[in-house]
PDB file of N, CA and C in Angstrom:
ATOM      1  N   MET A   1     -15.387  -4.904  14.696  1.00  0.00           N
ATOM      2  CA  MET A   1     -15.487  -5.933  13.792  1.00  0.00           C
ATOM      3  C   MET A   1     -14.539  -5.712  12.654  1.00  0.00           C
ATOM      4  N   SER A   2     -13.873  -6.782  12.280  1.00  0.00           N
ATOM      5  CA  SER A   2     -12.913  -6.672  11.178  1.00  0.00           C
ATOM      6  C   SER A   2     -13.405  -7.539  10.065  1.00  0.00           C
ATOM      7  N   GLU A   3     -12.989  -7.123   8.869  1.00  0.00           N
ATOM      8  CA  GLU A   3     -13.397  -7.828   7.588  1.00  0.00           C
ATOM      9  C   GLU A   3     -12.141  -8.325   6.925  1.00  0.00           C
ATOM     10  N   THR A   4     -12.232  -9.533   6.472  1.00  0.00           N
ATOM     11  CA  THR A   4     -11.111 -10.061   5.694  1.00  0.00           C
ATOM     12  C   THR A   4     -11.512 -10.082   4.254  1.00  0.00           C
ATOM     13  N   ILE A   5     -10.625  -9.542   3.373  1.00  0.00           N
ATOM     14  CA  ILE A   5     -10.804  -9.591   1.921  1.00  0.00           C
ATOM     15  C   ILE A   5      -9.565 -10.297   1.310  1.00  0.00           C
ATOM     16  N   ILE A   6      -9.895 -11.365   0.498  1.00  0.00           N
ATOM     17  CA  ILE A   6      -8.693 -12.101  -0.069  1.00  0.00           C
ATOM     18  C   ILE A   6      -8.695 -11.756  -1.505  1.00  0.00           C
ATOM     19  N   CYS A   7      -7.614 -11.331  -2.008  1.00  0.00           N
ATOM     20  CA  CYS A   7      -7.400 -10.996  -3.447  1.00  0.00           C
ATOM     21  C   CYS A   7      -6.304 -11.740  -4.038  1.00  0.00           C
ATOM     22  N   LYS A   8      -6.584 -12.277  -5.258  1.00  0.00           N
ATOM     23  CA  LYS A   8      -5.535 -12.976  -6.018  1.00  0.00           C
ATOM     24  C   LYS A   8      -5.055 -11.941  -7.076  1.00  0.00           C
ATOM     25  N   CYS A   9      -3.821 -11.580  -7.103  1.00  0.00           N
ATOM     26  CA  CYS A   9      -3.366 -10.546  -8.024  1.00  0.00           C
ATOM     27  C   CYS A   9      -2.193 -11.026  -8.814  1.00  0.00           C
ATOM     28  N   ARG A  10      -2.064 -10.491 -10.018  1.00  0.00           N
ATOM     29  CA  ARG A  10      -0.976 -10.860 -10.885  1.00  0.00           C
ATOM     30  C   ARG A  10      -0.167  -9.550 -11.125  1.00  0.00           C
ATOM     31  N   VAL A  11       1.092  -9.658 -10.985  1.00  0.00           N
ATOM     32  CA  VAL A  11       1.960  -8.451 -11.252  1.00  0.00           C
ATOM     33  C   VAL A  11       2.217  -8.414 -12.738  1.00  0.00           C
ATOM     34  N   VAL A  12       1.881  -7.255 -13.341  1.00  0.00           N
ATOM     35  CA  VAL A  12       2.050  -7.078 -14.779  1.00  0.00           C
ATOM     36  C   VAL A  12       3.132  -6.023 -15.103  1.00  0.00           C
ATOM     37  N   THR A  13       3.591  -5.330 -14.084  1.00  0.00           N
ATOM     38  CA  THR A  13       4.612  -4.314 -14.231  1.00  0.00           C
ATOM     39  C   THR A  13       5.728  -4.670 -13.249  1.00  0.00           C
ATOM     40  N   PRO A  14       6.929  -4.135 -13.456  1.00  0.00           N
ATOM     41  CA  PRO A  14       8.044  -4.490 -12.528  1.00  0.00           C
ATOM     42  C   PRO A  14       7.666  -3.889 -11.121  1.00  0.00           C
ATOM     43  N   MET A  15       7.809  -4.778 -10.079  1.00  0.00           N
ATOM     44  CA  MET A  15       7.483  -4.391  -8.745  1.00  0.00           C
ATOM     45  C   MET A  15       8.284  -5.256  -7.858  1.00  0.00           C
ATOM     46  N   PHE A  16       9.496  -5.542  -8.125  1.00  0.00           N
ATOM     47  CA  PHE A  16      10.339  -6.468  -7.397  1.00  0.00           C
ATOM     48  C   PHE A  16      11.299  -5.769  -6.502  1.00  0.00           C
ATOM     49  N   SER A  17      11.660  -6.462  -5.421  1.00  0.00           N
ATOM     50  CA  SER A  17      12.739  -6.024  -4.515  1.00  0.00           C
ATOM     51  C   SER A  17      13.316  -7.323  -3.940  1.00  0.00           C
ATOM     52  N   SER A  18      14.399  -7.081  -3.202  1.00  0.00           N
ATOM     53  CA  SER A  18      14.987  -8.273  -2.514  1.00  0.00           C
ATOM     54  C   SER A  18      15.193  -7.953  -1.093  1.00  0.00           C
ATOM     55  N   GLY A  19      15.158  -9.026  -0.318  1.00  0.00           N
ATOM     56  CA  GLY A  19      15.413  -8.859   1.129  1.00  0.00           C
ATOM     57  C   GLY A  19      16.784  -9.121   1.501  1.00  0.00           C
ATOM     58  N   ALA A  20      17.021  -9.839   2.571  1.00  0.00           N
ATOM     59  CA  ALA A  20      18.374 -10.145   2.997  1.00  0.00           C
ATOM     60  C   ALA A  20      19.108 -10.984   2.027  1.00  0.00           C
ATOM     61  N   ASP A  21      18.452 -11.867   1.240  1.00  0.00           N
ATOM     62  CA  ASP A  21      19.063 -12.657   0.242  1.00  0.00           C
ATOM     63  C   ASP A  21      18.977 -11.912  -1.064  1.00  0.00           C
ATOM     64  N   GLN A  22      20.033 -11.177  -1.474  1.00  0.00           N
ATOM     65  CA  GLN A  22      19.991 -10.320  -2.655  1.00  0.00           C
ATOM     66  C   GLN A  22      19.884 -11.069  -3.999  1.00  0.00           C
ATOM     67  N   THR A  23      20.008 -12.374  -3.896  1.00  0.00           N
ATOM     68  CA  THR A  23      19.875 -13.177  -5.118  1.00  0.00           C
ATOM     69  C   THR A  23      18.482 -13.640  -5.435  1.00  0.00           C
ATOM     70  N   LYS A  24      17.497 -13.335  -4.523  1.00  0.00           N
ATOM     71  CA  LYS A  24      16.148 -13.733  -4.764  1.00  0.00           C
ATOM     72  C   LYS A  24      15.275 -12.502  -4.787  1.00  0.00           C
ATOM     73  N   CYS A  25      14.343 -12.475  -5.789  1.00  0.00           N
ATOM     74  CA  CYS A  25      13.371 -11.409  -5.817  1.00  0.00           C
ATOM     75  C   CYS A  25      12.239 -11.696  -4.895  1.00  0.00           C
ATOM     76  N   GLU A  26      11.654 -10.716  -4.334  1.00  0.00           N
ATOM     77  CA  GLU A  26      10.469 -10.803  -3.493  1.00  0.00           C
ATOM     78  C   GLU A  26       9.429  -9.828  -3.833  1.00  0.00           C
ATOM     79  N   ILE A  27       8.176 -10.145  -3.599  1.00  0.00           N
ATOM     80  CA  ILE A  27       7.071  -9.122  -3.689  1.00  0.00           C
ATOM     81  C   ILE A  27       6.690  -8.943  -2.217  1.00  0.00           C
ATOM     82  N   ARG A  28       6.773  -7.738  -1.735  1.00  0.00           N
ATOM     83  CA  ARG A  28       6.597  -7.429  -0.301  1.00  0.00           C
ATOM     84  C   ARG A  28       5.393  -6.480  -0.154  1.00  0.00           C
ATOM     85  N   VAL A  29       4.814  -6.509   1.010  1.00  0.00           N
ATOM     86  CA  VAL A  29       3.693  -5.632   1.342  1.00  0.00           C
ATOM     87  C   VAL A  29       4.009  -4.149   1.030  1.00  0.00           C
ATOM     88  N   PRO A  30       5.175  -3.597   1.446  1.00  0.00           N
ATOM     89  CA  PRO A  30       5.428  -2.154   1.212  1.00  0.00           C
ATOM     90  C   PRO A  30       5.289  -1.789  -0.287  1.00  0.00           C
ATOM     91  N   GLU A  31       5.768  -2.662  -1.184  1.00  0.00           N
ATOM     92  CA  GLU A  31       5.701  -2.341  -2.592  1.00  0.00           C
ATOM     93  C   GLU A  31       4.206  -2.332  -3.045  1.00  0.00           C
ATOM     94  N   ILE A  32       3.381  -3.272  -2.518  1.00  0.00           N
ATOM     95  CA  ILE A  32       2.031  -3.331  -2.885  1.00  0.00           C
ATOM     96  C   ILE A  32       1.278  -2.180  -2.330  1.00  0.00           C
ATOM     97  N   LYS A  33       1.514  -1.827  -1.113  1.00  0.00           N
ATOM     98  CA  LYS A  33       0.827  -0.634  -0.550  1.00  0.00           C
ATOM     99  C   LYS A  33       1.240   0.682  -1.255  1.00  0.00           C
ATOM    100  N   ALA A  34       2.521   0.774  -1.622  1.00  0.00           N
ATOM    101  CA  ALA A  34       2.958   1.979  -2.309  1.00  0.00           C
ATOM    102  C   ALA A  34       2.258   2.101  -3.600  1.00  0.00           C
ATOM    103  N   SER A  35       2.046   1.004  -4.401  1.00  0.00           N
ATOM    104  CA  SER A  35       1.307   0.937  -5.595  1.00  0.00           C
ATOM    105  C   SER A  35      -0.163   1.338  -5.356  1.00  0.00           C
ATOM    106  N   MET A  36      -0.791   0.851  -4.306  1.00  0.00           N
ATOM    107  CA  MET A  36      -2.171   1.116  -4.000  1.00  0.00           C
ATOM    108  C   MET A  36      -2.272   2.600  -3.705  1.00  0.00           C
ATOM    109  N   ARG A  37      -1.460   3.159  -2.946  1.00  0.00           N
ATOM    110  CA  ARG A  37      -1.428   4.552  -2.551  1.00  0.00           C
ATOM    111  C   ARG A  37      -1.293   5.406  -3.823  1.00  0.00           C
ATOM    112  N   PHE A  38      -0.348   5.112  -4.750  1.00  0.00           N
ATOM    113  CA  PHE A  38      -0.184   5.841  -5.941  1.00  0.00           C
ATOM    114  C   PHE A  38      -1.484   5.914  -6.787  1.00  0.00           C
ATOM    115  N   TRP A  39      -2.104   4.723  -6.934  1.00  0.00           N
ATOM    116  CA  TRP A  39      -3.375   4.636  -7.793  1.00  0.00           C
ATOM    117  C   TRP A  39      -4.556   5.310  -7.083  1.00  0.00           C
ATOM    118  N   TRP A  40      -4.535   5.283  -5.717  1.00  0.00           N
ATOM    119  CA  TRP A  40      -5.559   5.950  -4.961  1.00  0.00           C
ATOM    120  C   TRP A  40      -5.456   7.498  -5.176  1.00  0.00           C
ATOM    121  N   ARG A  41      -4.243   7.999  -5.172  1.00  0.00           N
ATOM    122  CA  ARG A  41      -3.995   9.386  -5.407  1.00  0.00           C
ATOM    123  C   ARG A  41      -4.451   9.743  -6.850  1.00  0.00           C
ATOM    124  N   ALA A  42      -4.100   8.867  -7.810  1.00  0.00           N
ATOM    125  CA  ALA A  42      -4.445   9.177  -9.211  1.00  0.00           C
ATOM    126  C   ALA A  42      -5.955   9.204  -9.357  1.00  0.00           C
ATOM    127  N   ALA A  43      -6.631   8.248  -8.729  1.00  0.00           N
ATOM    128  CA  ALA A  43      -8.149   8.154  -8.819  1.00  0.00           C
ATOM    129  C   ALA A  43      -8.836   9.338  -8.171  1.00  0.00           C
ATOM    130  N   ASN A  44      -8.160   9.916  -7.211  1.00  0.00           N
ATOM    131  CA  ASN A  44      -8.760  11.006  -6.399  1.00  0.00           C
ATOM    132  C   ASN A  44      -8.069  12.355  -6.648  1.00  0.00           C
ATOM    133  N   SER A  45      -7.489  12.489  -7.783  1.00  0.00           N
ATOM    134  CA  SER A  45      -6.712  13.728  -8.102  1.00  0.00           C
ATOM    135  C   SER A  45      -7.635  14.972  -8.214  1.00  0.00           C
ATOM    136  N   ASN A  46      -8.999  14.806  -8.251  1.00  0.00           N
ATOM    137  CA  ASN A  46      -9.878  15.884  -8.306  1.00  0.00           C
ATOM    138  C   ASN A  46      -9.999  16.533  -6.997  1.00  0.00           C
ATOM    139  N   LEU A  47      -9.557  16.003  -5.822  1.00  0.00           N
ATOM    140  CA  LEU A  47      -9.717  16.515  -4.517  1.00  0.00           C
ATOM    141  C   LEU A  47      -8.766  17.673  -4.315  1.00  0.00           C
ATOM    142  N   LYS A  48      -9.073  18.645  -3.464  1.00  0.00           N
ATOM    143  CA  LYS A  48      -8.051  19.658  -3.070  1.00  0.00           C
ATOM    144  C   LYS A  48      -6.936  19.003  -2.339  1.00  0.00           C
ATOM    145  N   LEU A  49      -5.780  19.501  -2.386  1.00  0.00           N
ATOM    146  CA  LEU A  49      -4.627  18.864  -1.779  1.00  0.00           C
ATOM    147  C   LEU A  49      -4.764  18.557  -0.361  1.00  0.00           C
ATOM    148  N   ASP A  50      -5.320  19.467   0.482  1.00  0.00           N
ATOM    149  CA  ASP A  50      -5.467  19.209   1.891  1.00  0.00           C
ATOM    150  C   ASP A  50      -6.423  18.020   2.202  1.00  0.00           C
ATOM    151  N   GLU A  51      -7.507  17.993   1.419  1.00  0.00           N
ATOM    152  CA  GLU A  51      -8.459  16.867   1.572  1.00  0.00           C
ATOM    153  C   GLU A  51      -7.855  15.580   1.077  1.00  0.00           C
ATOM    154  N   LEU A  52      -7.117  15.644  -0.016  1.00  0.00           N
ATOM    155  CA  LEU A  52      -6.469  14.458  -0.567  1.00  0.00           C
ATOM    156  C   LEU A  52      -5.541  13.835   0.513  1.00  0.00           C
ATOM    157  N   LYS A  53      -4.695  14.728   1.143  1.00  0.00           N
ATOM    158  CA  LYS A  53      -3.804  14.269   2.159  1.00  0.00           C
ATOM    159  C   LYS A  53      -4.516  13.686   3.401  1.00  0.00           C
ATOM    160  N   ARG A  54      -5.535  14.389   3.788  1.00  0.00           N
ATOM    161  CA  ARG A  54      -6.226  13.927   4.984  1.00  0.00           C
ATOM    162  C   ARG A  54      -6.920  12.527   4.749  1.00  0.00           C
ATOM    163  N   LYS A  55      -7.584  12.370   3.649  1.00  0.00           N
ATOM    164  CA  LYS A  55      -8.155  11.049   3.387  1.00  0.00           C
ATOM    165  C   LYS A  55      -7.169   9.987   3.155  1.00  0.00           C
ATOM    166  N   GLU A  56      -6.056  10.332   2.462  1.00  0.00           N
ATOM    167  CA  GLU A  56      -4.954   9.340   2.266  1.00  0.00           C
ATOM    168  C   GLU A  56      -4.397   8.937   3.537  1.00  0.00           C
ATOM    169  N   THR A  57      -4.198   9.771   4.441  1.00  0.00           N
ATOM    170  CA  THR A  57      -3.683   9.477   5.838  1.00  0.00           C
ATOM    171  C   THR A  57      -4.599   8.577   6.569  1.00  0.00           C
ATOM    172  N   LEU A  58      -5.895   8.783   6.500  1.00  0.00           N
ATOM    173  CA  LEU A  58      -6.869   8.023   7.175  1.00  0.00           C
ATOM    174  C   LEU A  58      -6.845   6.547   6.647  1.00  0.00           C
ATOM    175  N   ILE A  59      -6.601   6.401   5.394  1.00  0.00           N
ATOM    176  CA  ILE A  59      -6.562   5.076   4.726  1.00  0.00           C
ATOM    177  C   ILE A  59      -5.289   4.366   4.940  1.00  0.00           C
ATOM    178  N   PHE A  60      -4.168   4.984   4.473  1.00  0.00           N
ATOM    179  CA  PHE A  60      -2.907   4.427   4.395  1.00  0.00           C
ATOM    180  C   PHE A  60      -1.906   4.755   5.544  1.00  0.00           C
ATOM    181  N   GLY A  61      -2.360   5.547   6.521  1.00  0.00           N
ATOM    182  CA  GLY A  61      -1.506   5.920   7.578  1.00  0.00           C
ATOM    183  C   GLY A  61      -0.628   7.080   7.200  1.00  0.00           C
ATOM    184  N   GLY A  62       0.048   7.574   8.185  1.00  0.00           N
ATOM    185  CA  GLY A  62       0.957   8.761   7.989  1.00  0.00           C
ATOM    186  C   GLY A  62       2.022   8.895   9.081  1.00  0.00           C
ATOM    187  N   SER A  63       2.951   9.807   8.842  1.00  0.00           N
ATOM    188  CA  SER A  63       3.938  10.056   9.797  1.00  0.00           C
ATOM    189  C   SER A  63       4.065  11.462  10.127  1.00  0.00           C
ATOM    190  N   GLY A  64       4.736  11.811  11.175  1.00  0.00           N
ATOM    191  CA  GLY A  64       4.860  13.185  11.541  1.00  0.00           C
ATOM    192  C   GLY A  64       4.074  13.357  12.893  1.00  0.00           C
ATOM    193  N   ASP A  65       4.157  14.666  13.380  1.00  0.00           N
ATOM    194  CA  ASP A  65       3.587  14.994  14.682  1.00  0.00           C
ATOM    195  C   ASP A  65       2.038  14.803  14.610  1.00  0.00           C
ATOM    196  N   LYS A  66       1.360  15.487  13.732  1.00  0.00           N
ATOM    197  CA  LYS A  66      -0.098  15.451  13.643  1.00  0.00           C
ATOM    198  C   LYS A  66      -0.635  14.284  12.859  1.00  0.00           C
ATOM    199  N   GLU A  67       0.098  13.884  11.887  1.00  0.00           N
ATOM    200  CA  GLU A  67      -0.399  12.899  10.907  1.00  0.00           C
ATOM    201  C   GLU A  67      -0.058  11.470  11.318  1.00  0.00           C
ATOM    202  N   ALA A  68       0.637  11.258  12.369  1.00  0.00           N
ATOM    203  CA  ALA A  68       1.113   9.925  12.782  1.00  0.00           C
ATOM    204  C   ALA A  68      -0.026   8.984  13.032  1.00  0.00           C
ATOM    205  N   ARG A  69      -0.190   7.967  12.348  1.00  0.00           N
ATOM    206  CA  ARG A  69      -1.239   7.009  12.596  1.00  0.00           C
ATOM    207  C   ARG A  69      -0.953   5.762  11.772  1.00  0.00           C
ATOM    208  N   LYS A  70      -1.538   4.621  12.194  1.00  0.00           N
ATOM    209  CA  LYS A  70      -1.335   3.364  11.510  1.00  0.00           C
ATOM    210  C   LYS A  70      -2.295   3.309  10.267  1.00  0.00           C
ATOM    211  N   SER A  71      -1.930   2.451   9.300  1.00  0.00           N
ATOM    212  CA  SER A  71      -2.854   2.219   8.176  1.00  0.00           C
ATOM    213  C   SER A  71      -4.232   1.641   8.745  1.00  0.00           C
ATOM    214  N   ALA A  72      -5.252   1.934   7.968  1.00  0.00           N
ATOM    215  CA  ALA A  72      -6.607   1.426   8.343  1.00  0.00           C
ATOM    216  C   ALA A  72      -6.726  -0.048   8.052  1.00  0.00           C
ATOM    217  N   PHE A  73      -5.747  -0.612   7.426  1.00  0.00           N
ATOM    218  CA  PHE A  73      -5.840  -2.064   7.044  1.00  0.00           C
ATOM    219  C   PHE A  73      -4.482  -2.695   7.164  1.00  0.00           C
ATOM    220  N   THR A  74      -4.436  -3.974   7.142  1.00  0.00           N
ATOM    221  CA  THR A  74      -3.199  -4.777   7.216  1.00  0.00           C
ATOM    222  C   THR A  74      -3.229  -5.728   6.020  1.00  0.00           C
ATOM    223  N   MET A  75      -2.072  -6.097   5.592  1.00  0.00           N
ATOM    224  CA  MET A  75      -1.904  -6.964   4.484  1.00  0.00           C
ATOM    225  C   MET A  75      -0.937  -8.050   4.736  1.00  0.00           C
ATOM    226  N   ARG A  76      -1.025  -9.096   4.078  1.00  0.00           N
ATOM    227  CA  ARG A  76      -0.087 -10.260   4.066  1.00  0.00           C
ATOM    228  C   ARG A  76       0.090 -10.868   2.620  1.00  0.00           C
ATOM    229  N   VAL A  77       1.308 -11.067   2.306  1.00  0.00           N
ATOM    230  CA  VAL A  77       1.492 -11.728   0.965  1.00  0.00           C
ATOM    231  C   VAL A  77       1.851 -13.151   1.200  1.00  0.00           C
ATOM    232  N   GLU A  78       1.188 -13.955   0.414  1.00  0.00           N
ATOM    233  CA  GLU A  78       1.491 -15.406   0.408  1.00  0.00           C
ATOM    234  C   GLU A  78       1.774 -15.874  -1.029  1.00  0.00           C
ATOM    235  N   SER A  79       2.691 -16.708  -1.200  1.00  0.00           N
ATOM    236  CA  SER A  79       3.079 -17.164  -2.564  1.00  0.00           C
ATOM    237  C   SER A  79       2.333 -18.477  -2.821  1.00  0.00           C
ATOM    238  N   TYR A  80       1.728 -18.523  -3.995  1.00  0.00           N
ATOM    239  CA  TYR A  80       1.002 -19.738  -4.427  1.00  0.00           C
ATOM    240  C   TYR A  80       1.783 -20.212  -5.663  1.00  0.00           C
ATOM    241  N   ARG A  81       2.497 -21.225  -5.457  1.00  0.00           N
ATOM    242  CA  ARG A  81       3.306 -21.814  -6.626  1.00  0.00           C
ATOM    243  C   ARG A  81       2.898 -23.245  -6.835  1.00  0.00           C
TER     244      ARG A  81
END
Protein backbone atom coordinates (compact mmCIF):
# COMPACT_ATOMS: atom_id res chain seq x y z
CA MET A 1 0.00 0.00 0.00
CA SER A 2 1.38 3.40 -0.89
CA GLU A 3 0.50 6.72 0.62
CA THR A 4 0.50 10.06 -1.15
CA ILE A 5 1.40 13.19 0.77
CA ILE A 6 1.03 16.53 -1.01
CA CYS A 7 3.01 19.45 0.41
CA LYS A 8 2.98 23.07 -0.67
CA CYS A 9 6.37 24.56 0.12
CA ARG A 10 7.94 27.96 -0.19
CA VAL A 11 11.66 28.34 -0.71
CA VAL A 12 13.05 30.90 1.72
CA THR A 13 16.77 30.23 1.22
CA PRO A 14 18.79 29.90 -2.00
CA MET A 15 18.16 26.45 -3.48
CA PHE A 16 18.33 27.00 -7.22
CA SER A 17 20.04 25.16 -10.01
CA SER A 18 19.67 25.04 -13.74
CA GLY A 19 19.21 22.21 -16.17
CA ALA A 20 20.03 22.07 -19.85
CA ASP A 21 18.90 25.68 -20.29
CA GLN A 22 21.46 27.56 -18.21
CA THR A 23 19.46 30.79 -18.45
CA LYS A 24 16.54 29.44 -16.40
CA CYS A 25 16.52 28.57 -12.71
CA GLU A 26 14.86 25.36 -11.61
CA ILE A 27 13.95 23.77 -8.33
CA ARG A 28 14.56 20.06 -8.72
CA VAL A 29 13.92 16.97 -6.62
CA PRO A 30 17.64 16.31 -5.87
CA GLU A 31 17.99 19.72 -4.21
CA ILE A 32 14.86 19.17 -2.11
CA LYS A 33 15.95 15.67 -1.07
CA ALA A 34 19.41 16.97 -0.17
CA SER A 35 17.85 19.61 2.05
CA MET A 36 15.56 17.04 3.67
CA ARG A 37 18.53 14.72 4.30
CA PHE A 38 20.54 17.58 5.83
CA TRP A 39 17.74 18.54 8.25
CA TRP A 40 17.00 14.89 9.06
CA ARG A 41 20.66 14.48 10.10
CA ALA A 42 20.51 17.67 12.16
CA ALA A 43 17.31 16.57 13.92
CA ASN A 44 18.79 13.14 14.67
CA SER A 45 22.32 14.20 15.63
CA ASN A 46 21.87 12.53 19.01
CA LEU A 47 22.16 9.08 17.39
CA LYS A 48 25.44 7.19 17.23
CA LEU A 49 27.07 7.52 13.80
CA ASP A 50 26.46 3.92 12.68
CA GLU A 51 22.77 4.12 13.70
CA LEU A 52 22.39 7.52 12.02
CA LYS A 53 23.84 6.16 8.77
CA ARG A 54 21.70 3.00 8.90
CA LYS A 55 18.44 4.88 9.43
CA GLU A 56 19.34 7.56 6.89
CA THR A 57 20.02 4.90 4.26
CA LEU A 58 16.67 3.22 4.96
CA ILE A 59 14.85 6.52 4.40
CA PHE A 60 16.88 8.31 1.72
CA GLY A 61 18.64 5.43 0.01
CA GLY A 62 22.33 4.78 -0.29
CA SER A 63 25.12 3.74 -2.60
CA GLY A 64 27.96 1.30 -2.34
CA ASP A 65 28.18 -2.48 -2.06
CA LYS A 66 26.22 -3.04 1.16
CA GLU A 67 24.32 0.26 1.36
CA ALA A 68 22.93 0.29 -2.20
CA ARG A 69 19.18 0.81 -2.10
CA LYS A 70 16.50 3.11 -3.43
CA SER A 71 14.94 5.86 -1.37
CA ALA A 72 11.88 4.80 0.63
CA PHE A 73 9.87 7.52 -1.09
CA THR A 74 9.55 9.30 -4.42
CA MET A 75 8.98 12.97 -5.11
CA ARG A 76 7.75 15.14 -7.94
CA VAL A 77 8.03 18.90 -8.29
CA GLU A 78 5.20 20.79 -9.93
CA SER A 79 5.17 24.51 -10.53
CA TYR A 80 2.08 26.48 -9.55
CA ARG A 81 2.18 29.90 -11.15
